[in-house]
Protein backbone atom coordinates (compact mmCIF):
# COMPACT_ATOMS: atom_id res chain seq x y z
CA MET A 1 64.25 15.50 7.13
CA THR A 2 61.88 12.94 5.84
CA ALA A 3 61.16 12.98 2.16
CA THR A 4 58.47 10.77 0.76
CA THR A 5 59.29 9.16 -2.55
CA PRO A 6 57.01 6.93 -4.55
CA GLY A 7 56.54 3.70 -2.76
CA ARG A 8 58.32 4.48 0.53
CA ASP A 9 59.67 7.09 2.91
CA VAL A 10 63.27 8.18 2.44
CA ALA A 11 65.05 10.24 5.04
CA ALA A 12 67.71 12.82 4.67
CA PRO A 13 71.00 12.04 6.36
CA PRO A 14 71.62 13.47 9.80
CA PRO A 15 73.26 16.91 9.79
CA ALA A 16 76.98 16.76 9.13
CA ALA A 17 76.73 13.46 7.30
CA PRO A 18 77.87 13.15 3.71
CA ALA A 19 74.76 11.15 3.04
CA ALA A 20 74.57 7.73 1.53
CA ALA A 21 71.79 6.78 -0.84
CA PRO A 22 68.52 5.89 0.87
CA PRO A 23 68.54 2.18 1.58
CA ASN A 24 66.42 -0.02 -0.61
CA ALA A 25 64.58 2.99 -2.01
CA ALA A 26 62.18 1.94 -4.72
CA GLU A 27 62.67 3.60 -8.05
CA PRO A 28 59.93 6.13 -8.75
CA PRO A 29 58.04 6.02 -11.96
CA ALA A 30 59.54 8.49 -14.36
CA ALA A 31 57.48 11.65 -14.25
CA THR A 32 59.62 13.24 -16.93
CA ALA A 33 62.48 12.23 -19.18
CA PRO A 34 65.91 12.69 -17.61
CA PRO A 35 66.75 16.38 -18.01
CA PRO A 36 69.87 17.60 -19.83
CA ALA A 37 72.95 17.98 -17.66
CA ARG A 38 72.71 21.78 -17.55
CA ARG A 39 69.04 21.74 -16.52
CA LEU A 40 69.73 19.02 -13.96
CA GLY A 41 72.57 21.03 -12.45
CA ALA A 42 70.37 24.12 -12.23
CA ALA A 43 67.49 22.20 -10.60
CA LEU A 44 69.77 20.60 -8.01
CA THR A 45 71.43 23.95 -7.28
CA VAL A 46 67.98 25.39 -6.51
CA VAL A 47 67.05 22.69 -4.01
CA LEU A 48 70.52 22.70 -2.41
CA LEU A 49 70.35 26.48 -1.98
CA ALA A 50 66.99 26.16 -0.23
CA THR A 51 68.31 23.27 1.86
CA PHE A 52 71.27 25.34 3.04
CA MET A 53 68.96 28.20 3.99
CA THR A 54 66.62 26.09 6.13
CA SER A 55 69.47 24.14 7.75
CA PHE A 56 71.36 27.35 8.57
CA ASP A 57 68.31 28.72 10.37
CA THR A 58 68.39 25.74 12.73
CA THR A 59 71.62 26.90 14.41
CA GLY A 60 72.61 30.26 12.93
CA VAL A 61 70.14 32.17 15.06
CA ASN A 62 71.90 31.01 18.25
CA ILE A 63 74.67 33.55 17.81
CA ALA A 64 72.13 36.40 17.76
CA VAL A 65 70.30 35.39 20.96
CA PRO A 66 71.96 38.00 23.24
CA SER A 67 71.44 40.77 20.69
CA ILE A 68 67.80 39.81 20.10
CA GLN A 69 67.22 39.75 23.83
CA ASP A 70 68.67 43.25 24.22
CA GLY A 71 66.85 44.63 21.20
CA LEU A 72 63.42 43.27 22.08
CA GLY A 73 63.70 43.20 25.86
CA ALA A 74 62.99 39.47 25.87
CA SER A 75 63.51 36.97 28.67
CA TYR A 76 65.69 33.90 28.24
CA GLY A 77 62.56 31.74 28.32
CA SER A 78 61.23 33.65 25.33
CA MET A 79 64.57 33.30 23.57
CA GLN A 80 64.42 29.54 24.03
CA TRP A 81 61.10 29.62 22.20
CA VAL A 82 62.68 31.66 19.39
CA LEU A 83 64.89 28.62 18.80
CA ALA A 84 62.41 25.84 19.64
CA GLY A 85 59.56 27.57 17.80
CA TYR A 86 61.36 26.79 14.55
CA THR A 87 62.61 23.29 15.34
CA LEU A 88 59.44 21.88 16.94
CA PRO A 89 57.07 22.19 13.93
CA PHE A 90 59.97 21.23 11.69
CA ALA A 91 60.28 17.95 13.60
CA LEU A 92 56.57 17.21 13.92
CA LEU A 93 55.52 17.95 10.35
CA LEU A 94 58.33 16.31 8.36
CA VAL A 95 56.36 13.18 7.53
CA THR A 96 53.21 15.19 6.83
CA GLY A 97 55.21 17.51 4.57
CA GLY A 98 56.38 14.54 2.55
CA ARG A 99 52.81 13.29 2.17
CA ILE A 100 51.69 16.74 1.00
CA GLY A 101 54.24 16.55 -1.80
CA ASP A 102 53.09 13.04 -2.72
CA ALA A 103 49.46 14.10 -2.92
CA PHE A 104 49.58 17.58 -4.43
CA GLY A 105 52.89 17.60 -6.33
CA ARG A 106 56.44 17.93 -5.06
CA ARG A 107 57.32 21.00 -7.12
CA ARG A 108 54.18 22.75 -5.89
CA ALA A 109 54.90 21.78 -2.28
CA PHE A 110 58.55 22.85 -2.57
CA LEU A 111 57.63 26.27 -3.95
CA LEU A 112 54.85 26.72 -1.37
CA GLY A 113 57.21 25.91 1.47
CA LEU A 114 59.98 28.08 0.04
CA ALA A 115 57.65 31.06 -0.38
CA GLY A 116 56.30 30.63 3.15
CA PHE A 117 59.79 30.30 4.60
CA THR A 118 61.03 33.42 2.81
CA LEU A 119 58.00 35.50 3.86
CA ALA A 120 58.29 34.30 7.46
CA SER A 121 62.00 35.23 7.44
CA VAL A 122 61.09 38.79 6.47
CA LEU A 123 58.44 38.92 9.21
CA ALA A 124 61.03 37.70 11.71
CA GLY A 125 63.51 40.31 10.50
CA VAL A 126 61.09 43.19 11.08
CA ALA A 127 59.62 41.84 14.32
CA GLY A 128 58.83 44.53 16.87
CA ASP A 129 58.42 42.24 19.88
CA VAL A 130 59.37 38.72 20.88
CA GLY A 131 55.84 37.33 20.45
CA TRP A 132 55.88 38.40 16.82
CA LEU A 133 59.33 36.86 16.38
CA VAL A 134 58.31 33.52 17.91
CA ALA A 135 55.21 33.39 15.69
CA ALA A 136 57.33 34.07 12.61
CA ARG A 137 59.74 31.31 13.64
CA VAL A 138 56.87 28.85 13.98
CA VAL A 139 55.74 29.71 10.45
CA GLN A 140 59.34 29.24 9.28
CA GLY A 141 59.36 25.77 10.85
CA VAL A 142 56.06 24.76 9.24
CA ALA A 143 57.22 26.00 5.84
CA ALA A 144 60.58 24.22 6.16
CA ALA A 145 58.78 20.97 7.02
CA ILE A 146 56.72 21.27 3.83
CA MET A 147 59.69 22.20 1.64
CA GLY A 148 62.44 19.98 3.08
CA PRO A 149 60.98 16.53 2.32
CA GLN A 150 60.59 17.37 -1.36
CA VAL A 151 64.33 17.73 -1.87
CA LEU A 152 65.22 14.04 -1.74
CA ALA A 153 62.16 13.28 -3.84
CA VAL A 154 63.52 15.67 -6.48
CA PHE A 155 66.82 13.76 -6.37
CA GLN A 156 64.95 10.47 -6.83
CA VAL A 157 62.96 11.75 -9.80
CA LEU A 158 65.66 13.72 -11.63
CA VAL A 159 68.91 11.88 -10.98
CA PRO A 160 69.60 8.50 -12.63
CA PRO A 161 70.49 5.80 -10.07
CA ALA A 162 74.07 5.49 -11.32
CA ARG A 163 74.74 9.18 -10.58
CA ARG A 164 72.74 9.45 -7.39
CA ALA A 165 75.28 8.48 -4.70
CA PRO A 166 77.84 11.29 -5.23
CA LEU A 167 75.10 13.90 -5.58
CA LEU A 168 73.42 12.70 -2.39
CA ALA A 169 76.81 13.01 -0.70
CA VAL A 170 76.89 16.67 -1.76
CA TYR A 171 73.36 17.09 -0.41
CA GLY A 172 74.37 15.65 2.96
CA LEU A 173 77.48 17.81 3.05
CA VAL A 174 75.39 20.95 2.42
CA ILE A 175 73.12 20.07 5.35
CA GLY A 176 76.09 19.35 7.58
CA LEU A 177 78.02 22.50 6.73
CA ALA A 178 74.93 24.72 7.08
CA THR A 179 74.02 23.20 10.45
CA VAL A 180 77.39 23.09 12.17
CA SER A 181 78.72 26.34 10.68
CA GLY A 182 75.56 28.29 11.52
CA PRO A 183 77.02 30.09 14.56
CA MET A 184 80.19 31.02 12.65
CA LEU A 185 78.34 32.40 9.63
CA GLY A 186 75.83 34.08 11.93
CA GLY A 187 78.73 35.80 13.72
CA ILE A 188 80.10 37.05 10.43
CA LEU A 189 76.72 38.50 9.46
CA MET A 190 76.34 40.10 12.87
CA GLY A 191 79.83 41.58 12.62
CA ALA A 192 79.16 42.96 9.14
CA ASP A 193 75.99 44.67 10.45
CA LEU A 194 74.62 45.22 6.95
CA PHE A 195 72.63 48.46 6.68
CA GLY A 196 72.72 48.70 10.46
CA TRP A 197 70.23 45.85 10.75
CA GLY A 198 72.15 44.04 13.51
CA TRP A 199 70.56 40.70 14.44
CA ARG A 200 67.81 41.22 11.88
CA THR A 201 70.38 40.47 9.14
CA ILE A 202 70.26 36.79 10.18
CA PHE A 203 66.66 36.63 8.94
CA LEU A 204 66.57 39.24 6.19
CA ILE A 205 69.47 37.61 4.32
CA ASN A 206 66.97 34.86 3.45
CA LEU A 207 64.96 37.25 1.26
CA PRO A 208 67.36 37.47 -1.72
CA ILE A 209 68.34 33.81 -1.34
CA GLY A 210 64.70 32.72 -1.20
CA LEU A 211 63.74 34.82 -4.21
CA VAL A 212 66.57 33.40 -6.32
CA ALA A 213 65.67 29.83 -5.31
CA PHE A 214 61.95 30.42 -5.94
CA LEU A 215 62.50 31.80 -9.43
CA GLY A 216 64.89 28.98 -10.19
CA GLY A 217 62.34 26.45 -8.98
CA LEU A 218 59.67 27.93 -11.24
CA VAL A 219 61.96 27.59 -14.26
CA TRP A 220 63.86 24.35 -13.69
CA LEU A 221 61.95 22.02 -11.35
CA PRO A 222 59.56 19.50 -12.96
CA GLU A 223 56.40 18.31 -11.25
CA SER A 224 55.96 14.80 -9.83
CA ARG A 225 53.65 13.06 -7.35
CA ASP A 226 52.76 9.67 -5.92
CA GLU A 227 49.42 8.70 -7.44
CA ARG A 228 48.80 6.09 -4.76
CA GLY A 229 48.59 8.78 -2.09
CA ARG A 230 49.10 7.72 1.53
CA GLY A 231 47.18 9.07 4.50
CA PHE A 232 48.05 11.92 6.81
CA ASP A 233 48.52 11.05 10.49
CA LEU A 234 47.22 14.40 11.70
CA GLY A 235 46.06 12.82 14.95
CA GLY A 236 49.61 11.66 15.67
CA VAL A 237 50.98 15.13 14.87
CA PHE A 238 48.46 16.76 17.22
CA LEU A 239 49.13 14.32 20.09
CA ALA A 240 52.91 14.58 19.68
CA ALA A 241 52.72 18.39 19.66
CA ALA A 242 50.52 18.42 22.76
CA ALA A 243 52.82 16.05 24.66
CA LEU A 244 55.96 17.99 23.76
CA LEU A 245 54.37 21.35 24.60
CA LEU A 246 53.28 20.05 28.01
CA LEU A 247 56.90 19.11 28.65
CA LEU A 248 58.74 22.02 27.03
CA HIS A 249 56.70 25.07 28.01
CA PRO A 250 57.12 24.75 31.79
CA LEU A 251 60.83 23.91 31.36
CA MET A 252 61.34 27.17 29.47
CA TYR A 253 59.09 29.51 31.44
CA GLY A 254 58.57 27.84 34.82
CA ARG A 255 61.85 29.01 36.34
CA GLU A 256 61.51 32.69 35.48
CA LEU A 257 57.85 32.74 36.60
CA GLY A 258 58.67 31.15 39.96
CA TRP A 259 57.30 27.72 39.03
CA PRO A 260 53.55 28.50 39.21
CA TRP A 261 51.02 25.73 39.76
CA TRP A 262 50.25 25.31 36.06
CA SER A 263 53.88 24.45 35.30
CA TRP A 264 53.74 21.44 37.61
CA VAL A 265 50.36 20.39 36.19
CA CYS A 266 51.80 20.50 32.67
CA LEU A 267 54.85 18.46 33.64
CA ALA A 268 52.65 15.89 35.39
CA ALA A 269 50.38 15.65 32.33
CA ALA A 270 53.25 15.21 29.87
CA GLY A 271 53.81 11.55 30.79
CA PRO A 272 50.17 10.46 30.26
CA ALA A 273 50.11 12.47 27.02
CA PHE A 274 53.05 10.48 25.64
CA VAL A 275 51.29 7.25 26.70
CA VAL A 276 48.18 8.30 24.75
CA LEU A 277 50.39 9.09 21.72
CA VAL A 278 52.03 5.65 21.84
CA ARG A 279 48.68 3.86 22.07
CA PHE A 280 47.24 5.93 19.21
CA GLU A 281 50.21 5.20 16.97
CA ARG A 282 50.14 1.50 17.83
CA ARG A 283 46.46 1.25 16.87
CA LYS A 284 47.15 2.94 13.52
CA GLU A 285 50.02 0.56 12.84
CA GLN A 286 47.93 -2.50 13.74
CA ALA A 287 45.16 -1.27 11.45
CA GLY A 288 47.63 -1.21 8.54
CA GLU A 289 47.58 2.59 8.29
CA SER A 290 50.63 4.84 8.01
CA PRO A 291 51.54 6.20 11.47
CA LEU A 292 53.73 9.15 12.33
CA VAL A 293 56.11 6.78 14.16
CA ALA A 294 56.60 3.09 13.31
CA LEU A 295 56.60 1.82 16.90
CA HIS A 296 57.40 -1.81 16.10
CA LEU A 297 60.98 -0.79 15.31
CA PHE A 298 61.56 0.11 18.95
CA GLY A 299 61.20 -3.56 19.83
CA GLN A 300 64.79 -3.96 18.58
CA ARG A 301 67.43 -3.01 21.10
CA THR A 302 69.98 -1.80 18.56
CA PHE A 303 67.49 0.49 16.84
CA THR A 304 66.33 2.04 20.12
CA ALA A 305 69.94 2.63 21.17
CA GLY A 306 70.76 4.26 17.83
CA VAL A 307 67.74 6.57 17.95
CA LEU A 308 68.48 7.61 21.54
CA ALA A 309 72.13 8.30 20.72
CA ASN A 310 71.05 10.34 17.70
CA ILE A 311 68.61 12.39 19.81
CA ILE A 312 71.21 13.03 22.52
CA VAL A 313 73.85 14.16 20.01
CA ALA A 314 71.35 16.66 18.54
CA ALA A 315 70.41 17.82 22.04
CA LEU A 316 74.09 18.28 22.93
CA MET A 317 74.68 20.52 19.93
CA SER A 318 71.57 22.70 20.28
CA GLY A 319 71.86 23.05 24.04
CA PHE A 320 75.57 23.80 23.92
CA PHE A 321 75.35 26.53 21.29
CA LEU A 322 72.51 28.31 23.08
CA THR A 323 74.14 28.40 26.50
CA PHE A 324 77.78 28.82 25.44
CA VAL A 325 76.97 31.75 23.15
CA VAL A 326 75.13 33.49 26.01
CA PHE A 327 78.03 32.69 28.33
CA LEU A 328 80.66 34.16 25.99
CA GLN A 329 78.71 37.30 25.04
CA ASN A 330 76.73 38.21 28.16
CA GLY A 331 79.13 36.64 30.66
CA LEU A 332 82.59 37.36 29.25
CA GLY A 333 81.83 40.26 26.93
CA PHE A 334 82.76 38.61 23.61
CA THR A 335 81.37 40.23 20.48
CA ALA A 336 79.06 38.19 18.24
CA GLU A 337 81.75 37.99 15.57
CA ARG A 338 84.42 36.83 18.01
CA THR A 339 82.00 34.30 19.44
CA GLY A 340 81.32 32.93 15.96
CA TRP A 341 85.00 32.44 15.22
CA THR A 342 85.61 30.94 18.66
CA VAL A 343 83.06 28.18 18.14
CA ALA A 344 83.97 27.68 14.46
CA PRO A 345 86.39 24.77 15.19
CA TRP A 346 83.38 22.67 16.18
CA ALA A 347 82.04 23.15 12.64
CA VAL A 348 85.41 22.52 11.00
CA GLY A 349 86.08 19.39 13.06
CA THR A 350 82.61 18.00 12.40
CA ALA A 351 82.80 18.65 8.66
CA LEU A 352 86.26 17.08 8.26
CA ALA A 353 85.39 14.02 10.35
CA SER A 354 82.12 13.52 8.48
CA MET A 355 83.99 13.17 5.19
CA VAL A 356 85.76 10.02 6.39
CA ALA A 357 83.22 8.74 8.94
CA ILE A 358 80.96 6.67 6.67
CA PRO A 359 83.83 4.92 4.79
CA LEU A 360 85.49 4.31 8.15
CA ALA A 361 82.29 2.80 9.55
CA ARG A 362 82.12 0.40 6.61
CA THR A 363 85.35 -1.22 7.76
CA ALA A 364 85.38 -0.54 11.50
CA GLY A 365 81.64 -0.77 12.23
CA ARG A 366 80.54 0.56 15.58
CA THR A 367 84.19 0.97 16.69
CA ALA A 368 84.29 4.20 14.66
CA LEU A 369 81.30 5.51 16.60
CA VAL A 370 82.78 4.47 19.94
CA VAL A 371 85.97 6.38 19.13
CA GLY A 372 83.91 9.41 18.12
CA ALA A 373 81.80 9.31 21.30
CA VAL A 374 84.94 9.04 23.45
CA LEU A 375 86.47 12.05 21.65
CA MET A 376 83.26 14.02 22.24
CA THR A 377 83.46 13.18 25.94
CA LEU A 378 87.15 14.07 26.26
CA GLY A 379 86.70 17.36 24.41
CA MET A 380 83.68 18.38 26.47
CA ALA A 381 85.40 17.36 29.73
CA GLY A 382 88.47 19.37 28.70
CA LEU A 383 86.34 22.42 27.97
CA ASN A 384 84.61 22.01 31.32
CA ALA A 385 87.97 21.95 33.11
CA ILE A 386 89.20 24.99 31.15
CA VAL A 387 86.10 27.02 32.04
CA VAL A 388 86.30 26.10 35.73
CA VAL A 389 90.05 26.76 36.03
CA SER A 390 90.27 29.90 33.86
CA GLY A 391 87.09 31.52 35.13
CA ASP A 392 86.47 34.99 33.77
CA ARG A 393 90.03 35.07 32.36
CA LEU A 394 89.03 32.55 29.71
CA THR A 395 90.42 33.24 26.21
CA SER A 396 89.55 31.85 22.79
CA LEU A 397 92.58 29.60 22.19
CA PRO A 398 91.88 26.82 24.73
CA ILE A 399 88.21 26.85 23.71
CA VAL A 400 89.23 26.36 20.07
CA VAL A 401 91.31 23.26 20.89
CA SER A 402 88.58 21.63 22.97
CA LEU A 403 85.79 22.35 20.49
CA CYS A 404 87.87 20.94 17.63
CA VAL A 405 88.09 17.64 19.51
CA VAL A 406 84.35 17.71 20.26
CA GLY A 407 83.59 18.46 16.60
CA VAL A 408 85.73 15.60 15.29
CA GLY A 409 84.06 13.23 17.71
CA MET A 410 80.58 14.43 16.76
CA GLY A 411 81.36 14.01 13.06
CA LEU A 412 82.47 10.42 13.62
CA VAL A 413 79.19 9.70 15.44
CA SER A 414 76.52 11.70 13.64
CA ALA A 415 77.54 10.89 10.08
CA PRO A 416 77.43 7.07 10.11
CA ILE A 417 75.04 6.36 13.00
CA LEU A 418 72.03 5.85 10.71
CA ASN A 419 73.82 3.30 8.52
CA VAL A 420 75.31 1.46 11.49
CA THR A 421 71.90 1.26 13.16
CA LEU A 422 70.21 0.08 9.96
CA ALA A 423 72.59 -2.88 9.91
CA GLY A 424 70.54 -4.35 12.77
CA ILE A 425 67.05 -4.07 11.23
CA PRO A 426 65.34 -5.66 8.20
CA HIS A 427 65.83 -3.75 4.95
CA VAL A 428 62.07 -3.50 4.47
CA ASP A 429 61.95 -1.16 7.50
CA ALA A 430 64.88 1.01 6.39
CA GLY A 431 62.73 3.87 5.07
CA SER A 432 60.61 4.09 8.22
CA ALA A 433 63.74 3.86 10.39
CA ALA A 434 65.41 6.69 8.51
CA GLY A 435 62.30 8.83 8.90
CA ILE A 436 62.32 8.26 12.66
CA PHE A 437 66.00 9.23 12.74
CA SER A 438 65.37 12.53 10.98
CA THR A 439 62.39 13.42 13.16
CA GLY A 440 64.30 12.30 16.27
CA LYS A 441 67.23 14.56 15.44
CA GLN A 442 65.00 17.62 15.17
CA THR A 443 63.14 16.66 18.35
CA GLY A 444 66.47 16.24 20.12
CA GLY A 445 67.35 19.78 19.13
CA VAL A 446 64.17 21.05 20.79
CA LEU A 447 64.81 19.05 23.97
CA GLY A 448 68.41 20.27 24.10
CA VAL A 449 67.31 23.90 24.04
CA ALA A 450 64.70 23.29 26.76
CA VAL A 451 66.62 21.04 29.15
CA THR A 452 70.10 22.56 28.85
CA GLY A 453 68.60 26.03 28.97
CA ALA A 454 66.68 25.14 32.13
CA VAL A 455 69.92 23.99 33.80
CA PHE A 456 72.04 26.98 32.74
CA PHE A 457 69.51 29.76 33.29
CA GLY A 458 68.30 28.15 36.50
CA LEU A 459 71.85 28.24 37.90
CA LEU A 460 72.38 31.74 36.57
CA ALA A 461 69.37 33.00 38.58
CA ASP A 462 68.87 36.71 37.76
CA GLN A 463 70.77 37.12 34.49
CA ASP A 464 70.39 40.91 34.55
CA THR A 465 72.52 41.27 37.68
CA ALA A 466 74.65 38.11 37.39
CA SER A 467 78.39 38.65 37.81
CA ARG A 468 81.03 37.07 35.62
CA ALA A 469 81.74 34.58 38.39
CA ARG A 470 78.07 33.54 38.39
CA PHE A 471 78.17 33.00 34.63
CA VAL A 472 81.32 30.89 34.96
CA ASP A 473 79.77 28.80 37.72
CA ALA A 474 76.57 28.21 35.73
CA MET A 475 78.52 27.29 32.60
CA GLY A 476 80.76 24.92 34.54
CA TRP A 477 77.82 22.95 35.92
CA THR A 478 76.07 22.96 32.55
CA LEU A 479 79.14 21.56 30.81
CA GLY A 480 79.28 18.92 33.53
CA VAL A 481 75.78 17.82 32.51
CA GLN A 482 76.92 17.76 28.88
CA VAL A 483 79.82 15.48 29.81
CA LEU A 484 77.35 13.07 31.41
CA LEU A 485 75.27 13.09 28.21
CA CYS A 486 78.42 12.35 26.19
CA LEU A 487 79.11 9.36 28.45
CA LEU A 488 75.57 8.17 27.81
CA VAL A 489 76.25 8.32 24.06
CA VAL A 490 79.39 6.20 24.64
CA ALA A 491 77.26 3.58 26.39
CA LEU A 492 74.53 3.62 23.71
CA VAL A 493 76.85 3.22 20.70
CA HIS A 494 78.31 0.11 22.34
CA VAL A 495 74.90 -1.51 21.79
CA LEU A 496 74.90 -0.93 18.03
CA PRO A 497 75.74 -3.73 15.57
CA ARG A 498 79.45 -4.55 15.31
CA LYS A 499 79.51 -4.55 11.53
CA VAL A 500 77.65 -2.63 8.86
CA ASP A 501 75.75 -4.40 6.09
CA ALA A 502 77.19 -3.07 2.84
CA ALA A 503 73.67 -2.79 1.41
CA ALA A 504 72.85 -0.19 4.06
CA HIS A 505 75.14 2.26 2.30
């Protein structure tokens, strides 16, 4: 998530990364005197609690997809929008959210976003139809994009430089654990079925958490802003949203509607829309303005490879959890709680590998990422073979082993990929590069839901009458596509710089 600090953009680490300090971040002017240790701890606890909540909602809802579909009578296309409706505005508005904090005050923006997120969570929890739920998820995404960028700015303002690195590592770990453990924690909540709320618990649990964080923010967070105030690239946001919607909407709904004429028109228009976006952003950059995407960075082969690998890894995770959860629950009859525990090794493997990934990358460079990408590929290929061979007799144990390998590999890739990529670009561009990485990761999550969902649900045909064998066949082919994406990540990380500049950490 991109947070805008005085003088430059600073990006949050990718999910699952125990984050390093933002490279070459300029020190902000002191808005307040350094707070006492107890007040500092309370303020950081508030922002970390809010960070966990918004990161959990990126993946935790996946586990509830089958139950939401049954409860609201929703199609799988609509359920894809329940997931993408949150991630898409989150991705598009990250930079704008940071600028809002710069201009109007970071404490004010944080509390506004937190209040909006909490209210939208309640609206999602009481939704009576899928349209209402999707709308609430969009509001959640907008609010998270306003709140999220303020967190790193709070770290920059409150934490002295000498103490910043270990606390930023905790911040990155919170994001990573919330993101990768979302399905497991979601399964636990679903299994507990608090007050008989079922899937609604996933959203309503945010109410007490949000209230505690909001009250804590009112008491302990100081105000700060960037008096220089940089512009808002609202034109870039609009064009990016239009281009992505032209691509995503027909991928999600075209299949179940029989691919009507408008779906093909939208897909055909998506390419020109992206061209218009690129030209618009290039003109802003040439005019010396602040664009949504710093396009000149893509002139460097290593940076482009790193961004693409980052996007694909995010797409792998989001697409896998959506389709595999549906496969286990609707196809094989797993409960939500059992499904959560079955996919938990992915979270455990990712978290453990992330703890050692960045130090390992400092000495091994891109070799650490190559090893991680190979492990991802082997684990996904093993899972594919297990699904195809076991069929509807599939049990949790072999899944656990394969997903643990995938998780370890993903941790070795996703944690250090930003720092390894930054080793190949000038330090002056580090802030912009990190912002592109954060936005790219969220965008990859949206694309993963749309593309992987289109493959799986397209092969499944009529999910209401699909047999177990049909589910197994669809999952087998979908995992085959995931293996190909893993191989693409292996190829891309080979392009990254061999060694990592120590200053990038």
